[in-house]
Amino acid sequence: MEAGRPGEHGEPDSTAAAVLTASRALLAVVARSLGPAMEQVTLPQFRVLVVLSSAGRPVRSGELAAALGVHPSTFSRTADRLVAGGWVRRAANPGSRRETFIELTSQGSALVDRVTRRRHAEISDIMSRLSSQERAEVRAGMQAFARAAGEPPVGDLRTLGL
């Protein structure tokens, strides 16, 4: 498709190019915020911590595996490593001995908080370089993009929002 030529939905191709450029900038912010954490956990392990943090409660092991889109046995191995590292703990379900809950430890919660604070600070710094009108435009554009992409509200987040 030629630059500036309308795309499938009548949008100029330059819109997609602008979004791709912005996505690379955001990915760089995400990578920098995750860098120190990746010395302690893997990205899939961090994803588990984020899902647990977003849930704000212990989550059944099977429910976590489903939310992460992995087989329960794969998740079990990940959980073993996270338990050994002190990032999460397992708790038996008193109502069903077949169910295990996974909950974030204070150490796991602190790691997610550090990454989130780092990311928020960098995004705030970038946004501070814009005029108030540009910030409003970015906010409106990002909200529209998230809606179009089907991104769930933060309270409903069940996946990693790198």
C-alpha atoms as a PDB file:
ATOM      1  CA  MET A   1       0.000   0.000   0.000  1.00  0.00           C
ATOM      2  CA  GLU A   2       1.340   3.430  -0.899  1.00  0.00           C
ATOM      3  CA  ALA A   3       1.972   6.039   1.775  1.00  0.00           C
ATOM      4  CA  GLY A   4      -0.956   8.404   2.120  1.00  0.00           C
ATOM      5  CA  ARG A   5      -3.303   6.088   0.206  1.00  0.00           C
ATOM      6  CA  PRO A   6      -6.512   5.128   2.010  1.00  0.00           C
ATOM      7  CA  GLY A   7      -6.396   1.779   3.747  1.00  0.00           C
ATOM      8  CA  GLU A   8      -9.095  -0.804   4.296  1.00  0.00           C
ATOM      9  CA  HIS A   9     -11.169   1.457   6.524  1.00  0.00           C
ATOM     10  CA  GLY A  10     -10.613   4.706   4.644  1.00  0.00           C
ATOM     11  CA  GLU A  11      -7.771   5.768   6.968  1.00  0.00           C
ATOM     12  CA  PRO A  12      -4.623   7.066   5.317  1.00  0.00           C
ATOM     13  CA  ASP A  13      -1.751   4.613   5.545  1.00  0.00           C
ATOM     14  CA  SER A  14       0.154   7.367   7.349  1.00  0.00           C
ATOM     15  CA  THR A  15      -2.131   6.815  10.367  1.00  0.00           C
ATOM     16  CA  ALA A  16      -0.994   3.212  10.644  1.00  0.00           C
ATOM     17  CA  ALA A  17       2.612   4.349  10.232  1.00  0.00           C
ATOM     18  CA  ALA A  18       2.192   6.912  13.026  1.00  0.00           C
ATOM     19  CA  VAL A  19       0.689   4.264  15.320  1.00  0.00           C
ATOM     20  CA  LEU A  20       3.545   1.870  14.528  1.00  0.00           C
ATOM     21  CA  THR A  21       6.078   4.566  15.380  1.00  0.00           C
ATOM     22  CA  ALA A  22       4.295   5.361  18.650  1.00  0.00           C
ATOM     23  CA  SER A  23       4.070   1.651  19.474  1.00  0.00           C
ATOM     24  CA  ARG A  24       7.851   1.332  19.103  1.00  0.00           C
ATOM     25  CA  ALA A  25       8.301   4.277  21.470  1.00  0.00           C
ATOM     26  CA  LEU A  26       5.918   2.707  23.998  1.00  0.00           C
ATOM     27  CA  LEU A  27       7.615  -0.668  23.647  1.00  0.00           C
ATOM     28  CA  ALA A  28      10.926   1.015  24.485  1.00  0.00           C
ATOM     29  CA  VAL A  29       9.340   2.496  27.634  1.00  0.00           C
ATOM     30  CA  VAL A  30       8.002  -0.941  28.581  1.00  0.00           C
ATOM     31  CA  ALA A  31      11.375  -2.584  27.960  1.00  0.00           C
ATOM     32  CA  ARG A  32      13.201  -0.020  30.102  1.00  0.00           C
ATOM     33  CA  SER A  33      10.678  -0.397  32.928  1.00  0.00           C
ATOM     34  CA  LEU A  34      10.976  -4.193  32.808  1.00  0.00           C
ATOM     35  CA  GLY A  35      14.759  -4.359  32.477  1.00  0.00           C
ATOM     36  CA  PRO A  36      15.675  -4.585  36.174  1.00  0.00           C
ATOM     37  CA  ALA A  37      12.790  -7.011  36.859  1.00  0.00           C
ATOM     38  CA  MET A  38      14.018  -9.375  34.117  1.00  0.00           C
ATOM     39  CA  GLU A  39      17.151  -9.941  36.186  1.00  0.00           C
ATOM     40  CA  GLN A  40      14.883 -11.560  38.796  1.00  0.00           C
ATOM     41  CA  VAL A  41      12.051 -13.202  36.848  1.00  0.00           C
ATOM     42  CA  THR A  42      11.326 -14.179  33.256  1.00  0.00           C
ATOM     43  CA  LEU A  43       8.740 -12.335  31.186  1.00  0.00           C
ATOM     44  CA  PRO A  44       6.176 -15.189  31.483  1.00  0.00           C
ATOM     45  CA  GLN A  45       6.726 -15.211  35.254  1.00  0.00           C
ATOM     46  CA  PHE A  46       6.275 -11.444  35.425  1.00  0.00           C
ATOM     47  CA  ARG A  47       3.063 -11.830  33.447  1.00  0.00           C
ATOM     48  CA  VAL A  48       1.740 -14.123  36.200  1.00  0.00           C
ATOM     49  CA  LEU A  49       2.618 -11.512  38.817  1.00  0.00           C
ATOM     50  CA  VAL A  50       0.789  -8.805  36.855  1.00  0.00           C
ATOM     51  CA  VAL A  51      -2.339 -10.940  36.434  1.00  0.00           C
ATOM     52  CA  LEU A  52      -2.344 -11.682  40.167  1.00  0.00           C
ATOM     53  CA  SER A  53      -1.764  -8.032  41.006  1.00  0.00           C
ATOM     54  CA  SER A  54      -4.601  -6.982  38.696  1.00  0.00           C
ATOM     55  CA  ALA A  55      -6.921  -9.565  40.239  1.00  0.00           C
ATOM     56  CA  GLY A  56      -6.196  -8.221  43.713  1.00  0.00           C
ATOM     57  CA  ARG A  57      -6.991 -11.595  45.252  1.00  0.00           C
ATOM     58  CA  PRO A  58      -5.750 -15.183  45.255  1.00  0.00           C
ATOM     59  CA  VAL A  59      -6.657 -16.920  41.996  1.00  0.00           C
ATOM     60  CA  ARG A  60      -7.323 -20.606  41.341  1.00  0.00           C
ATOM     61  CA  SER A  61      -4.377 -22.224  39.584  1.00  0.00           C
ATOM     62  CA  GLY A  62      -6.553 -23.436  36.689  1.00  0.00           C
ATOM     63  CA  GLU A  63      -8.112 -20.000  36.290  1.00  0.00           C
ATOM     64  CA  LEU A  64      -4.643 -18.440  36.115  1.00  0.00           C
ATOM     65  CA  ALA A  65      -3.510 -20.947  33.485  1.00  0.00           C
ATOM     66  CA  ALA A  66      -6.600 -20.156  31.403  1.00  0.00           C
ATOM     67  CA  ALA A  67      -6.123 -16.387  31.805  1.00  0.00           C
ATOM     68  CA  LEU A  68      -2.523 -16.770  30.643  1.00  0.00           C
ATOM     69  CA  GLY A  69      -3.471 -19.046  27.760  1.00  0.00           C
ATOM     70  CA  VAL A  70      -1.215 -21.896  28.873  1.00  0.00           C
ATOM     71  CA  HIS A  71      -1.755 -25.544  29.733  1.00  0.00           C
ATOM     72  CA  PRO A  72      -2.182 -26.176  33.482  1.00  0.00           C
ATOM     73  CA  SER A  73       0.965 -28.333  33.597  1.00  0.00           C
ATOM     74  CA  THR A  74       3.001 -25.545  31.984  1.00  0.00           C
ATOM     75  CA  PHE A  75       1.592 -23.093  34.485  1.00  0.00           C
ATOM     76  CA  SER A  76       2.352 -25.458  37.357  1.00  0.00           C
ATOM     77  CA  ARG A  77       6.064 -25.415  36.467  1.00  0.00           C
ATOM     78  CA  THR A  78       6.007 -21.610  36.271  1.00  0.00           C
ATOM     79  CA  ALA A  79       4.236 -21.446  39.632  1.00  0.00           C
ATOM     80  CA  ASP A  80       6.847 -23.794  41.138  1.00  0.00           C
ATOM     81  CA  ARG A  81       9.605 -21.376  40.112  1.00  0.00           C
ATOM     82  CA  LEU A  82       7.677 -18.349  41.402  1.00  0.00           C
ATOM     83  CA  VAL A  83       7.013 -20.061  44.735  1.00  0.00           C
ATOM     84  CA  ALA A  84      10.703 -21.013  45.030  1.00  0.00           C
ATOM     85  CA  GLY A  85      11.653 -17.388  44.336  1.00  0.00           C
ATOM     86  CA  GLY A  86       9.268 -16.064  46.985  1.00  0.00           C
ATOM     87  CA  TRP A  87       7.138 -14.140  44.450  1.00  0.00           C
ATOM     88  CA  VAL A  88       3.908 -16.106  45.038  1.00  0.00           C
ATOM     89  CA  ARG A  89       2.558 -18.710  47.439  1.00  0.00           C
ATOM     90  CA  ARG A  90       0.179 -21.576  47.012  1.00  0.00           C
ATOM     91  CA  ALA A  91      -2.812 -21.962  49.286  1.00  0.00           C
ATOM     92  CA  ALA A  92      -5.145 -24.937  49.398  1.00  0.00           C
ATOM     93  CA  ASN A  93      -8.822 -24.268  48.823  1.00  0.00           C
ATOM     94  CA  PRO A  94     -10.516 -25.303  52.089  1.00  0.00           C
ATOM     95  CA  GLY A  95     -13.672 -26.158  50.127  1.00  0.00           C
ATOM     96  CA  SER A  96     -11.969 -28.400  47.562  1.00  0.00           C
ATOM     97  CA  ARG A  97      -8.729 -30.287  48.089  1.00  0.00           C
ATOM     98  CA  ARG A  98      -8.339 -30.534  44.305  1.00  0.00           C
ATOM     99  CA  GLU A  99      -8.065 -26.747  43.928  1.00  0.00           C
ATOM    100  CA  THR A 100      -5.044 -24.626  44.684  1.00  0.00           C
ATOM    101  CA  PHE A 101      -5.010 -20.869  44.903  1.00  0.00           C
ATOM    102  CA  ILE A 102      -2.009 -18.783  43.909  1.00  0.00           C
ATOM    103  CA  GLU A 103      -1.475 -15.497  45.698  1.00  0.00           C
ATOM    104  CA  LEU A 104       1.039 -12.724  45.312  1.00  0.00           C
ATOM    105  CA  THR A 105       3.536 -12.299  48.156  1.00  0.00           C
ATOM    106  CA  SER A 106       4.583  -8.858  49.344  1.00  0.00           C
ATOM    107  CA  GLN A 107       7.835  -9.412  47.413  1.00  0.00           C
ATOM    108  CA  GLY A 108       5.892 -10.160  44.200  1.00  0.00           C
ATOM    109  CA  SER A 109       3.614  -7.190  44.738  1.00  0.00           C
ATOM    110  CA  ALA A 110       6.599  -4.898  45.332  1.00  0.00           C
ATOM    111  CA  LEU A 111       8.200  -6.022  42.044  1.00  0.00           C
ATOM    112  CA  VAL A 112       5.047  -5.255  40.047  1.00  0.00           C
ATOM    113  CA  ASP A 113       4.736  -1.897  41.841  1.00  0.00           C
ATOM    114  CA  ARG A 114       8.362  -0.958  41.031  1.00  0.00           C
ATOM    115  CA  VAL A 115       7.918  -1.737  37.337  1.00  0.00           C
ATOM    116  CA  THR A 116       4.599   0.118  37.220  1.00  0.00           C
ATOM    117  CA  ARG A 117       6.036   3.178  38.989  1.00  0.00           C
ATOM    118  CA  ARG A 118       9.037   3.224  36.633  1.00  0.00           C
ATOM    119  CA  ARG A 119       6.780   3.004  33.579  1.00  0.00           C
ATOM    120  CA  HIS A 120       4.374   5.640  34.912  1.00  0.00           C
ATOM    121  CA  ALA A 121       7.239   8.034  35.671  1.00  0.00           C
ATOM    122  CA  GLU A 122       8.726   7.722  32.200  1.00  0.00           C
ATOM    123  CA  ILE A 123       5.360   8.134  30.479  1.00  0.00           C
ATOM    124  CA  SER A 124       4.614  11.162  32.680  1.00  0.00           C
ATOM    125  CA  ASP A 125       7.986  12.648  31.743  1.00  0.00           C
ATOM    126  CA  ILE A 126       7.272  12.149  28.035  1.00  0.00           C
ATOM    127  CA  MET A 127       3.772  13.604  28.373  1.00  0.00           C
ATOM    128  CA  SER A 128       5.153  16.655  30.219  1.00  0.00           C
ATOM    129  CA  ARG A 129       6.979  17.608  27.007  1.00  0.00           C
ATOM    130  CA  LEU A 130       3.629  18.110  25.265  1.00  0.00           C
ATOM    131  CA  SER A 131       1.315  21.094  25.416  1.00  0.00           C
ATOM    132  CA  SER A 132      -1.928  20.654  27.337  1.00  0.00           C
ATOM    133  CA  GLN A 133      -3.801  20.417  24.022  1.00  0.00           C
ATOM    134  CA  GLU A 134      -1.414  17.725  22.762  1.00  0.00           C
ATOM    135  CA  ARG A 135      -1.801  15.781  26.029  1.00  0.00           C
ATOM    136  CA  ALA A 136      -5.600  15.897  25.625  1.00  0.00           C
ATOM    137  CA  GLU A 137      -5.256  14.709  22.022  1.00  0.00           C
ATOM    138  CA  VAL A 138      -2.938  11.865  23.012  1.00  0.00           C
ATOM    139  CA  ARG A 139      -5.291  10.827  25.837  1.00  0.00           C
ATOM    140  CA  ALA A 140      -8.328  10.842  23.518  1.00  0.00           C
ATOM    141  CA  GLY A 141      -6.436   8.996  20.789  1.00  0.00           C
ATOM    142  CA  MET A 142      -5.094   6.344  23.145  1.00  0.00           C
ATOM    143  CA  GLN A 143      -8.540   5.815  24.700  1.00  0.00           C
ATOM    144  CA  ALA A 144     -10.078   5.415  21.237  1.00  0.00           C
ATOM    145  CA  PHE A 145      -7.309   3.032  20.169  1.00  0.00           C
ATOM    146  CA  ALA A 146      -7.732   0.915  23.320  1.00  0.00           C
ATOM    147  CA  ARG A 147     -11.493   0.715  22.744  1.00  0.00           C
ATOM    148  CA  ALA A 148     -11.038  -0.277  19.101  1.00  0.00           C
ATOM    149  CA  ALA A 149      -8.463  -2.899  20.107  1.00  0.00           C
ATOM    150  CA  GLY A 150     -10.834  -4.330  22.711  1.00  0.00           C
ATOM    151  CA  GLU A 151      -8.473  -3.559  25.598  1.00  0.00           C
ATOM    152  CA  PRO A 152     -10.315  -4.224  28.863  1.00  0.00           C
ATOM    153  CA  PRO A 153     -10.511  -1.561  31.558  1.00  0.00           C
ATOM    154  CA  VAL A 154      -7.703  -1.762  34.138  1.00  0.00           C
ATOM    155  CA  GLY A 155     -10.035  -3.278  36.735  1.00  0.00           C
ATOM    156  CA  ASP A 156     -10.863  -6.105  34.322  1.00  0.00           C
ATOM    157  CA  LEU A 157      -7.286  -6.684  33.191  1.00  0.00           C
ATOM    158  CA  ARG A 158      -6.509 -10.389  33.053  1.00  0.00           C
ATOM    159  CA  THR A 159      -3.518 -10.264  30.731  1.00  0.00           C
ATOM    160  CA  LEU A 160      -0.193  -8.461  30.715  1.00  0.00           C
ATOM    161  CA  GLY A 161      -0.383  -4.998  29.447  1.00  0.00           C
ATOM    162  CA  LEU A 162       3.305  -4.585  28.681  1.00  0.00           C
END
